[in-house]
Structures are given as C-alpha cells and as structure tokens.
Amino acid sequence: MNNRRDTRDVRGVSPRRAPARGSYAEQRIAQLKAERAKYNVNDLGYYNGGVPRPRRGSIRGDAMGPAGDFHSP
C-alpha cells in the first residue's frame, strides 16, 4: 500500500494498480461483478430494488427483498 502523500491525487487517493492478468484477484473481481449484476445489488451489498421479473418491464418489485435491504453474499 502506498502511504506517500506526494503520490496522492487532488482528492487524497493513492493510485492503485489493476490486478495482474489471469490472477486470482482478477478472476474474483469478475465473479463478484457478475453476482452483483445477477442479484441487482450495489458494491456494498444492498439491493437496488429487487431482481427483474419476466414480462414486468421496469417493475422490479420485492422479488429478492425490498430496495435498500442488505444482501449477504
């Protein structure tokens, strides 16, 4: 981890490198991204309005839980 203040950007965030191609980290990030898309949850694990239901258009309802509930992966 880089704690040097002179390398931080305007917001105070240290730069991060992307995981190496083909590494476990890269595979796991892709897997978690797919699961978040499948269950319609954000990066913190909260539902974005349930899961889409067939032939219901943009109405998501509470198929997996109400919007804002925590999803335990």
PDB file of N, CA and C in Angstrom:
ATOM      1  N   MET A   1       0.846  -1.171   0.000  1.00  0.00           N
ATOM      2  CA  MET A   1       0.000   0.000   0.000  1.00  0.00           C
ATOM      3  C   MET A   1       0.893   1.237   0.000  1.00  0.00           C
ATOM      4  N   ASN A   2       0.477   2.244  -0.724  1.00  0.00           N
ATOM      5  CA  ASN A   2       1.277   3.449  -0.863  1.00  0.00           C
ATOM      6  C   ASN A   2       0.759   4.521   0.091  1.00  0.00           C
ATOM      7  N   ASN A   3       1.586   4.887   1.074  1.00  0.00           N
ATOM      8  CA  ASN A   3       1.178   5.904   2.048  1.00  0.00           C
ATOM      9  C   ASN A   3       1.868   7.241   1.821  1.00  0.00           C
ATOM     10  N   ARG A   4       2.598   7.377   0.751  1.00  0.00           N
ATOM     11  CA  ARG A   4       3.313   8.629   0.485  1.00  0.00           C
ATOM     12  C   ARG A   4       2.330   9.708   0.049  1.00  0.00           C
ATOM     13  N   ARG A   5       2.359  10.832   0.724  1.00  0.00           N
ATOM     14  CA  ARG A   5       1.432  11.923   0.425  1.00  0.00           C
ATOM     15  C   ARG A   5       1.716  12.571  -0.922  1.00  0.00           C
ATOM     16  N   ASP A   6       2.969  12.571  -1.351  1.00  0.00           N
ATOM     17  CA  ASP A   6       3.306  13.239  -2.612  1.00  0.00           C
ATOM     18  C   ASP A   6       2.800  12.497  -3.845  1.00  0.00           C
ATOM     19  N   THR A   7       2.361  11.233  -3.701  1.00  0.00           N
ATOM     20  CA  THR A   7       1.846  10.482  -4.850  1.00  0.00           C
ATOM     21  C   THR A   7       0.321  10.509  -4.928  1.00  0.00           C
ATOM     22  N   ARG A   8      -0.339  11.091  -3.941  1.00  0.00           N
ATOM     23  CA  ARG A   8      -1.801  11.122  -3.925  1.00  0.00           C
ATOM     24  C   ARG A   8      -2.338  12.159  -4.907  1.00  0.00           C
ATOM     25  N   ASP A   9      -3.565  11.920  -5.396  1.00  0.00           N
ATOM     26  CA  ASP A   9      -4.183  12.872  -6.314  1.00  0.00           C
ATOM     27  C   ASP A   9      -4.865  13.999  -5.528  1.00  0.00           C
ATOM     28  N   VAL A  10      -5.618  14.827  -6.216  1.00  0.00           N
ATOM     29  CA  VAL A  10      -6.249  16.005  -5.609  1.00  0.00           C
ATOM     30  C   VAL A  10      -7.210  15.617  -4.479  1.00  0.00           C
ATOM     31  N   ARG A  11      -7.866  14.480  -4.626  1.00  0.00           N
ATOM     32  CA  ARG A  11      -8.818  14.029  -3.609  1.00  0.00           C
ATOM     33  C   ARG A  11      -8.134  13.352  -2.421  1.00  0.00           C
ATOM     34  N   GLY A  12      -6.821  13.109  -2.521  1.00  0.00           N
ATOM     35  CA  GLY A  12      -6.091  12.447  -1.446  1.00  0.00           C
ATOM     36  C   GLY A  12      -6.070  10.939  -1.586  1.00  0.00           C
ATOM     37  N   VAL A  13      -6.411  10.425  -2.762  1.00  0.00           N
ATOM     38  CA  VAL A  13      -6.471   8.990  -3.006  1.00  0.00           C
ATOM     39  C   VAL A  13      -5.153   8.518  -3.613  1.00  0.00           C
ATOM     40  N   SER A  14      -4.598   7.448  -3.056  1.00  0.00           N
ATOM     41  CA  SER A  14      -3.371   6.873  -3.602  1.00  0.00           C
ATOM     42  C   SER A  14      -3.704   6.062  -4.849  1.00  0.00           C
ATOM     43  N   PRO A  15      -2.850   6.097  -5.861  1.00  0.00           N
ATOM     44  CA  PRO A  15      -3.125   5.330  -7.083  1.00  0.00           C
ATOM     45  C   PRO A  15      -3.019   3.832  -6.826  1.00  0.00           C
ATOM     46  N   ARG A  16      -3.854   3.076  -7.508  1.00  0.00           N
ATOM     47  CA  ARG A  16      -3.830   1.610  -7.379  1.00  0.00           C
ATOM     48  C   ARG A  16      -3.613   0.994  -8.745  1.00  0.00           C
ATOM     49  N   ARG A  17      -2.858  -0.074  -8.748  1.00  0.00           N
ATOM     50  CA  ARG A  17      -2.653  -0.795  -9.997  1.00  0.00           C
ATOM     51  C   ARG A  17      -3.743  -1.855 -10.154  1.00  0.00           C
ATOM     52  N   ALA A  18      -4.079  -2.129 -11.390  1.00  0.00           N
ATOM     53  CA  ALA A  18      -5.054  -3.190 -11.671  1.00  0.00           C
ATOM     54  C   ALA A  18      -4.405  -4.534 -11.358  1.00  0.00           C
ATOM     55  N   PRO A  19      -5.207  -5.548 -10.995  1.00  0.00           N
ATOM     56  CA  PRO A  19      -4.625  -6.869 -10.730  1.00  0.00           C
ATOM     57  C   PRO A  19      -3.997  -7.444 -11.999  1.00  0.00           C
ATOM     58  N   ALA A  20      -2.998  -8.279 -11.814  1.00  0.00           N
ATOM     59  CA  ALA A  20      -2.307  -8.895 -12.947  1.00  0.00           C
ATOM     60  C   ALA A  20      -3.267  -9.744 -13.763  1.00  0.00           C
ATOM     61  N   ARG A  21      -3.079  -9.740 -15.081  1.00  0.00           N
ATOM     62  CA  ARG A  21      -3.953 -10.513 -15.962  1.00  0.00           C
ATOM     63  C   ARG A  21      -3.855 -11.994 -15.642  1.00  0.00           C
ATOM     64  N   GLY A  22      -5.018 -12.640 -15.506  1.00  0.00           N
ATOM     65  CA  GLY A  22      -5.066 -14.068 -15.238  1.00  0.00           C
ATOM     66  C   GLY A  22      -4.888 -14.429 -13.774  1.00  0.00           C
ATOM     67  N   SER A  23      -4.720 -13.447 -12.901  1.00  0.00           N
ATOM     68  CA  SER A  23      -4.512 -13.726 -11.481  1.00  0.00           C
ATOM     69  C   SER A  23      -5.837 -14.091 -10.816  1.00  0.00           C
ATOM     70  N   TYR A  24      -5.724 -14.647  -9.611  1.00  0.00           N
ATOM     71  CA  TYR A  24      -6.915 -14.985  -8.845  1.00  0.00           C
ATOM     72  C   TYR A  24      -7.727 -13.732  -8.549  1.00  0.00           C
ATOM     73  N   ALA A  25      -7.040 -12.635  -8.237  1.00  0.00           N
ATOM     74  CA  ALA A  25      -7.728 -11.378  -7.913  1.00  0.00           C
ATOM     75  C   ALA A  25      -8.578 -10.914  -9.089  1.00  0.00           C
ATOM     76  N   GLU A  26      -8.044 -10.974 -10.294  1.00  0.00           N
ATOM     77  CA  GLU A  26      -8.800 -10.555 -11.473  1.00  0.00           C
ATOM     78  C   GLU A  26     -10.020 -11.452 -11.686  1.00  0.00           C
ATOM     79  N   GLN A  27      -9.849 -12.757 -11.499  1.00  0.00           N
ATOM     80  CA  GLN A  27     -10.957 -13.692 -11.665  1.00  0.00           C
ATOM     81  C   GLN A  27     -12.042 -13.454 -10.612  1.00  0.00           C
ATOM     82  N   ARG A  28     -11.618 -13.207  -9.376  1.00  0.00           N
ATOM     83  CA  ARG A  28     -12.573 -12.995  -8.286  1.00  0.00           C
ATOM     84  C   ARG A  28     -13.347 -11.689  -8.475  1.00  0.00           C
ATOM     85  N   ILE A  29     -12.670 -10.641  -8.925  1.00  0.00           N
ATOM     86  CA  ILE A  29     -13.339  -9.368  -9.187  1.00  0.00           C
ATOM     87  C   ILE A  29     -14.412  -9.550 -10.256  1.00  0.00           C
ATOM     88  N   ALA A  30     -14.085 -10.297 -11.316  1.00  0.00           N
ATOM     89  CA  ALA A  30     -15.060 -10.554 -12.379  1.00  0.00           C
ATOM     90  C   ALA A  30     -16.237 -11.378 -11.865  1.00  0.00           C
ATOM     91  N   GLN A  31     -15.958 -12.368 -11.016  1.00  0.00           N
ATOM     92  CA  GLN A  31     -17.013 -13.210 -10.453  1.00  0.00           C
ATOM     93  C   GLN A  31     -17.956 -12.390  -9.572  1.00  0.00           C
ATOM     94  N   LEU A  32     -17.395 -11.541  -8.716  1.00  0.00           N
ATOM     95  CA  LEU A  32     -18.226 -10.715  -7.847  1.00  0.00           C
ATOM     96  C   LEU A  32     -19.042  -9.707  -8.646  1.00  0.00           C
ATOM     97  N   LYS A  33     -18.474  -9.173  -9.708  1.00  0.00           N
ATOM     98  CA  LYS A  33     -19.198  -8.231 -10.563  1.00  0.00           C
ATOM     99  C   LYS A  33     -20.406  -8.917 -11.197  1.00  0.00           C
ATOM    100  N   ALA A  34     -20.222 -10.170 -11.654  1.00  0.00           N
ATOM    101  CA  ALA A  34     -21.319 -10.925 -12.260  1.00  0.00           C
ATOM    102  C   ALA A  34     -22.411 -11.226 -11.225  1.00  0.00           C
ATOM    103  N   GLU A  35     -22.017 -11.577 -10.002  1.00  0.00           N
ATOM    104  CA  GLU A  35     -23.004 -11.856  -8.960  1.00  0.00           C
ATOM    105  C   GLU A  35     -23.793 -10.606  -8.586  1.00  0.00           C
ATOM    106  N   ARG A  36     -23.106  -9.455  -8.520  1.00  0.00           N
ATOM    107  CA  ARG A  36     -23.811  -8.209  -8.211  1.00  0.00           C
ATOM    108  C   ARG A  36     -24.824  -7.879  -9.299  1.00  0.00           C
ATOM    109  N   ALA A  37     -24.453  -8.118 -10.549  1.00  0.00           N
ATOM    110  CA  ALA A  37     -25.384  -7.867 -11.652  1.00  0.00           C
ATOM    111  C   ALA A  37     -26.564  -8.837 -11.592  1.00  0.00           C
ATOM    112  N   LYS A  38     -26.284 -10.103 -11.283  1.00  0.00           N
ATOM    113  CA  LYS A  38     -27.330 -11.127 -11.231  1.00  0.00           C
ATOM    114  C   LYS A  38     -28.366 -10.818 -10.155  1.00  0.00           C
ATOM    115  N   TYR A  39     -27.907 -10.422  -8.977  1.00  0.00           N
ATOM    116  CA  TYR A  39     -28.813 -10.172  -7.861  1.00  0.00           C
ATOM    117  C   TYR A  39     -29.195  -8.703  -7.712  1.00  0.00           C
ATOM    118  N   ASN A  40     -28.704  -7.862  -8.628  1.00  0.00           N
ATOM    119  CA  ASN A  40     -29.046  -6.436  -8.651  1.00  0.00           C
ATOM    120  C   ASN A  40     -28.722  -5.761  -7.320  1.00  0.00           C
ATOM    121  N   VAL A  41     -27.483  -5.942  -6.854  1.00  0.00           N
ATOM    122  CA  VAL A  41     -27.023  -5.297  -5.633  1.00  0.00           C
ATOM    123  C   VAL A  41     -25.859  -4.370  -5.959  1.00  0.00           C
ATOM    124  N   ASN A  42     -25.643  -3.369  -5.102  1.00  0.00           N
ATOM    125  CA  ASN A  42     -24.536  -2.454  -5.325  1.00  0.00           C
ATOM    126  C   ASN A  42     -23.249  -3.027  -4.727  1.00  0.00           C
ATOM    127  N   ASP A  43     -22.165  -2.259  -4.763  1.00  0.00           N
ATOM    128  CA  ASP A  43     -20.872  -2.748  -4.277  1.00  0.00           C
ATOM    129  C   ASP A  43     -20.855  -2.986  -2.771  1.00  0.00           C
ATOM    130  N   LEU A  44     -21.783  -2.384  -2.037  1.00  0.00           N
ATOM    131  CA  LEU A  44     -21.836  -2.562  -0.593  1.00  0.00           C
ATOM    132  C   LEU A  44     -22.758  -3.701  -0.186  1.00  0.00           C
ATOM    133  N   GLY A  45     -23.474  -4.296  -1.143  1.00  0.00           N
ATOM    134  CA  GLY A  45     -24.334  -5.433  -0.855  1.00  0.00           C
ATOM    135  C   GLY A  45     -25.783  -5.083  -0.605  1.00  0.00           C
ATOM    136  N   TYR A  46     -26.224  -3.897  -0.995  1.00  0.00           N
ATOM    137  CA  TYR A  46     -27.619  -3.502  -0.802  1.00  0.00           C
ATOM    138  C   TYR A  46     -28.393  -3.634  -2.107  1.00  0.00           C
ATOM    139  N   TYR A  47     -29.615  -4.135  -2.005  1.00  0.00           N
ATOM    140  CA  TYR A  47     -30.456  -4.318  -3.185  1.00  0.00           C
ATOM    141  C   TYR A  47     -30.765  -2.988  -3.858  1.00  0.00           C
ATOM    142  N   ASN A  48     -30.797  -3.004  -5.180  1.00  0.00           N
ATOM    143  CA  ASN A  48     -31.182  -1.839  -5.965  1.00  0.00           C
ATOM    144  C   ASN A  48     -32.628  -1.970  -6.423  1.00  0.00           C
ATOM    145  N   GLY A  49     -33.480  -2.564  -5.637  1.00  0.00           N
ATOM    146  CA  GLY A  49     -34.884  -2.684  -5.997  1.00  0.00           C
ATOM    147  C   GLY A  49     -35.296  -4.089  -6.355  1.00  0.00           C
ATOM    148  N   GLY A  50     -34.668  -5.094  -5.841  1.00  0.00           N
ATOM    149  CA  GLY A  50     -35.031  -6.474  -6.143  1.00  0.00           C
ATOM    150  C   GLY A  50     -34.465  -6.925  -7.475  1.00  0.00           C
ATOM    151  N   VAL A  51     -34.875  -8.070  -7.927  1.00  0.00           N
ATOM    152  CA  VAL A  51     -34.396  -8.589  -9.198  1.00  0.00           C
ATOM    153  C   VAL A  51     -35.457  -8.393 -10.261  1.00  0.00           C
ATOM    154  N   PRO A  52     -35.037  -8.146 -11.506  1.00  0.00           N
ATOM    155  CA  PRO A  52     -36.038  -8.001 -12.568  1.00  0.00           C
ATOM    156  C   PRO A  52     -36.872  -9.277 -12.716  1.00  0.00           C
ATOM    157  N   ARG A  53     -38.153  -9.110 -12.982  1.00  0.00           N
ATOM    158  CA  ARG A  53     -39.030 -10.264 -13.193  1.00  0.00           C
ATOM    159  C   ARG A  53     -39.439 -10.316 -14.653  1.00  0.00           C
ATOM    160  N   PRO A  54     -39.626 -11.515 -15.199  1.00  0.00           N
ATOM    161  CA  PRO A  54     -40.006 -11.638 -16.604  1.00  0.00           C
ATOM    162  C   PRO A  54     -41.341 -10.951 -16.895  1.00  0.00           C
ATOM    163  N   ARG A  55     -41.425 -10.317 -18.032  1.00  0.00           N
ATOM    164  CA  ARG A  55     -42.643  -9.688 -18.542  1.00  0.00           C
ATOM    165  C   ARG A  55     -43.240  -8.664 -17.576  1.00  0.00           C
ATOM    166  N   ARG A  56     -42.402  -8.007 -16.764  1.00  0.00           N
ATOM    167  CA  ARG A  56     -42.898  -6.982 -15.854  1.00  0.00           C
ATOM    168  C   ARG A  56     -42.332  -5.606 -16.196  1.00  0.00           C
ATOM    169  N   GLY A  57     -41.553  -5.504 -17.272  1.00  0.00           N
ATOM    170  CA  GLY A  57     -40.973  -4.223 -17.645  1.00  0.00           C
ATOM    171  C   GLY A  57     -39.961  -3.745 -16.627  1.00  0.00           C
ATOM    172  N   SER A  58     -40.057  -2.479 -16.280  1.00  0.00           N
ATOM    173  CA  SER A  58     -39.092  -1.924 -15.339  1.00  0.00           C
ATOM    174  C   SER A  58     -39.498  -2.120 -13.889  1.00  0.00           C
ATOM    175  N   ILE A  59     -40.634  -2.771 -13.653  1.00  0.00           N
ATOM    176  CA  ILE A  59     -41.089  -3.010 -12.279  1.00  0.00           C
ATOM    177  C   ILE A  59     -40.290  -4.165 -11.702  1.00  0.00           C
ATOM    178  N   ARG A  60     -39.584  -3.900 -10.639  1.00  0.00           N
ATOM    179  CA  ARG A  60     -38.751  -4.935 -10.046  1.00  0.00           C
ATOM    180  C   ARG A  60     -39.415  -5.584  -8.840  1.00  0.00           C
ATOM    181  N   GLY A  61     -40.254  -4.858  -8.158  1.00  0.00           N
ATOM    182  CA  GLY A  61     -40.944  -5.429  -7.008  1.00  0.00           C
ATOM    183  C   GLY A  61     -39.983  -5.812  -5.900  1.00  0.00           C
ATOM    184  N   ASP A  62     -40.384  -6.771  -5.084  1.00  0.00           N
ATOM    185  CA  ASP A  62     -39.534  -7.206  -3.982  1.00  0.00           C
ATOM    186  C   ASP A  62     -39.188  -8.682  -4.145  1.00  0.00           C
ATOM    187  N   ALA A  63     -38.776  -9.061  -5.350  1.00  0.00           N
ATOM    188  CA  ALA A  63     -38.507 -10.456  -5.653  1.00  0.00           C
ATOM    189  C   ALA A  63     -37.477 -11.071  -4.722  1.00  0.00           C
ATOM    190  N   MET A  64     -36.399 -10.351  -4.425  1.00  0.00           N
ATOM    191  CA  MET A  64     -35.365 -10.869  -3.533  1.00  0.00           C
ATOM    192  C   MET A  64     -35.341 -10.111  -2.216  1.00  0.00           C
ATOM    193  N   GLY A  65     -36.114  -9.101  -2.100  1.00  0.00           N
ATOM    194  CA  GLY A  65     -36.122  -8.280  -0.899  1.00  0.00           C
ATOM    195  C   GLY A  65     -36.367  -6.834  -1.291  1.00  0.00           C
ATOM    196  N   PRO A  66     -36.859  -6.033  -0.378  1.00  0.00           N
ATOM    197  CA  PRO A  66     -37.138  -4.644  -0.694  1.00  0.00           C
ATOM    198  C   PRO A  66     -35.880  -3.859  -0.998  1.00  0.00           C
ATOM    199  N   ALA A  67     -36.011  -2.780  -1.729  1.00  0.00           N
ATOM    200  CA  ALA A  67     -34.876  -1.928  -2.057  1.00  0.00           C
ATOM    201  C   ALA A  67     -34.256  -1.404  -0.764  1.00  0.00           C
ATOM    202  N   GLY A  68     -32.930  -1.457  -0.703  1.00  0.00           N
ATOM    203  CA  GLY A  68     -32.209  -0.966   0.464  1.00  0.00           C
ATOM    204  C   GLY A  68     -31.897  -2.036   1.493  1.00  0.00           C
ATOM    205  N   ASP A  69     -32.489  -3.233   1.375  1.00  0.00           N
ATOM    206  CA  ASP A  69     -32.148  -4.322   2.294  1.00  0.00           C
ATOM    207  C   ASP A  69     -30.759  -4.844   1.977  1.00  0.00           C
ATOM    208  N   PHE A  70     -30.109  -5.391   2.979  1.00  0.00           N
ATOM    209  CA  PHE A  70     -28.759  -5.928   2.803  1.00  0.00           C
ATOM    210  C   PHE A  70     -28.831  -7.327   2.233  1.00  0.00           C
ATOM    211  N   HIS A  71     -27.955  -7.621   1.264  1.00  0.00           N
ATOM    212  CA  HIS A  71     -27.850  -8.946   0.643  1.00  0.00           C
ATOM    213  C   HIS A  71     -26.575  -9.590   1.134  1.00  0.00           C
ATOM    214  N   SER A  72     -26.675 -10.683   1.835  1.00  0.00           N
ATOM    215  CA  SER A  72     -25.496 -11.386   2.314  1.00  0.00           C
ATOM    216  C   SER A  72     -25.032 -12.362   1.243  1.00  0.00           C
ATOM    217  N   PRO A  73     -23.864 -12.118   0.628  1.00  0.00           N
ATOM    218  CA  PRO A  73     -23.396 -12.991  -0.457  1.00  0.00           C
ATOM    219  C   PRO A  73     -23.034 -14.374  -0.005  1.00  0.00           C
TER     220      PRO A  73
END
